[in-house]
Amino acid sequence: MCALKADRPKGLTREAAETIAIQAIGFLAEDPNRIGRFMALTGLEPDTLFAGAETAPVQVAVLDYLLSDESLLMVFSGHAALDPPAISAARALLDGAGHGGHD
């Protein structure tokens, strides 16, 4: 994971974190190389990825992937008009919410 970690920004809700994760999935899906590399590294199949896009485990996996590649993280951050720490905070919130939260 890259060094761009931060505490949860004030006002970041589960819904906002989910929105960030869905944006990240869309960002990866826009480019065959990006989505192909993600699926190769995670072992997720396209059906699993898109069927699980609204579940915390898939969302966390996508955000983990972005956070593990700082250059890709910066491209996504610019694309989504988000500060990189918001992505890290969304990942942390979804990971915590994914254990016993509603999916």
Protein backbone atom coordinates (compact mmCIF):
# COMPACT_ATOMS: atom_id res chain seq x y z
CA MET A 1 0.00 0.00 0.00
CA CYS A 2 1.33 3.45 -0.80
CA ALA A 3 2.14 6.06 1.79
CA LEU A 4 -1.00 8.09 1.03
CA LYS A 5 -2.96 7.08 4.13
CA ALA A 6 -5.16 9.35 6.13
CA ASP A 7 -7.80 9.28 8.79
CA ARG A 8 -11.36 9.23 7.57
CA PRO A 9 -12.26 12.69 6.28
CA LYS A 10 -15.11 14.30 8.17
CA GLY A 11 -18.40 13.57 6.47
CA LEU A 12 -17.25 10.48 4.56
CA THR A 13 -20.21 8.15 4.69
CA ARG A 14 -20.52 4.55 3.63
CA GLU A 15 -22.56 5.73 0.65
CA ALA A 16 -19.78 8.13 -0.40
CA ALA A 17 -17.18 5.38 0.05
CA GLU A 18 -19.26 3.04 -2.11
CA THR A 19 -19.54 5.74 -4.76
CA ILE A 20 -15.76 6.11 -4.82
CA ALA A 21 -15.37 2.35 -5.22
CA ILE A 22 -17.92 2.21 -8.04
CA GLN A 23 -16.12 5.10 -9.74
CA ALA A 24 -12.89 3.14 -9.39
CA ILE A 25 -14.43 0.06 -11.01
CA GLY A 26 -15.66 2.23 -13.88
CA PHE A 27 -12.23 3.82 -14.19
CA LEU A 28 -10.57 0.42 -14.47
CA ALA A 29 -13.21 -0.83 -16.91
CA GLU A 30 -12.63 2.15 -19.24
CA ASP A 31 -9.25 0.76 -20.25
CA PRO A 32 -8.76 -2.89 -21.29
CA ASN A 33 -5.18 -2.88 -20.00
CA ARG A 34 -6.15 -1.51 -16.58
CA ILE A 35 -9.05 -3.91 -16.06
CA GLY A 36 -7.09 -6.82 -17.51
CA ARG A 37 -4.18 -6.27 -15.15
CA PHE A 38 -6.53 -5.90 -12.18
CA MET A 39 -8.30 -9.17 -13.00
CA ALA A 40 -5.02 -10.99 -13.62
CA LEU A 41 -3.60 -9.88 -10.27
CA THR A 42 -6.75 -10.48 -8.23
CA GLY A 43 -8.01 -13.59 -9.99
CA LEU A 44 -11.47 -12.05 -10.31
CA GLU A 45 -13.43 -12.95 -13.43
CA PRO A 46 -15.44 -10.25 -15.23
CA ASP A 47 -18.76 -11.78 -14.11
CA THR A 48 -17.62 -11.88 -10.49
CA LEU A 49 -16.30 -8.33 -10.63
CA PHE A 50 -19.41 -6.77 -12.07
CA ALA A 51 -21.88 -8.95 -10.13
CA GLY A 52 -20.06 -8.06 -6.92
CA ALA A 53 -19.45 -4.40 -7.70
CA GLU A 54 -21.85 -3.32 -4.99
CA THR A 55 -20.36 -5.58 -2.31
CA ALA A 56 -17.75 -4.48 0.20
CA PRO A 57 -15.23 -7.27 -0.60
CA VAL A 58 -15.07 -6.37 -4.29
CA GLN A 59 -15.03 -2.65 -3.55
CA VAL A 60 -12.19 -3.10 -1.06
CA ALA A 61 -10.24 -5.22 -3.57
CA VAL A 62 -10.56 -2.50 -6.22
CA LEU A 63 -9.48 0.25 -3.84
CA ASP A 64 -6.61 -1.90 -2.54
CA TYR A 65 -5.46 -2.34 -6.11
CA LEU A 66 -5.47 1.40 -6.75
CA LEU A 67 -3.73 2.11 -3.45
CA SER A 68 -0.99 -0.39 -4.30
CA ASP A 69 0.01 1.56 -7.43
CA GLU A 70 0.70 5.20 -6.65
CA SER A 71 0.83 6.32 -10.29
CA LEU A 72 -2.50 4.65 -11.05
CA LEU A 73 -3.92 6.11 -7.84
CA MET A 74 -2.91 9.60 -8.95
CA VAL A 75 -4.47 9.12 -12.38
CA PHE A 76 -7.72 7.90 -10.80
CA SER A 77 -7.67 10.72 -8.25
CA GLY A 78 -7.41 13.28 -11.02
CA HIS A 79 -10.04 11.50 -13.10
CA ALA A 80 -12.50 11.38 -10.18
CA ALA A 81 -11.52 14.82 -8.80
CA LEU A 82 -10.70 13.28 -5.41
CA ASP A 83 -7.80 13.72 -3.04
CA PRO A 84 -5.83 10.45 -2.71
CA PRO A 85 -6.42 10.32 1.07
CA ALA A 86 -10.18 10.13 0.39
CA ILE A 87 -9.60 6.90 -1.51
CA SER A 88 -7.64 5.41 1.37
CA ALA A 89 -10.33 6.53 3.80
CA ALA A 90 -13.06 5.00 1.62
CA ARG A 91 -11.18 1.72 1.57
CA ALA A 92 -10.85 1.70 5.36
CA LEU A 93 -14.52 2.55 5.85
CA LEU A 94 -15.69 -0.16 3.43
CA ASP A 95 -13.38 -2.74 4.99
CA GLY A 96 -14.74 -2.03 8.45
CA ALA A 97 -18.32 -1.77 7.18
CA GLY A 98 -17.94 -4.98 5.19
CA HIS A 99 -17.72 -7.09 8.33
CA GLY A 100 -21.27 -7.33 9.54
CA GLY A 101 -22.46 -4.26 7.67
CA HIS A 102 -25.15 -4.28 5.04
CA ASP A 103 -23.98 -5.29 1.57
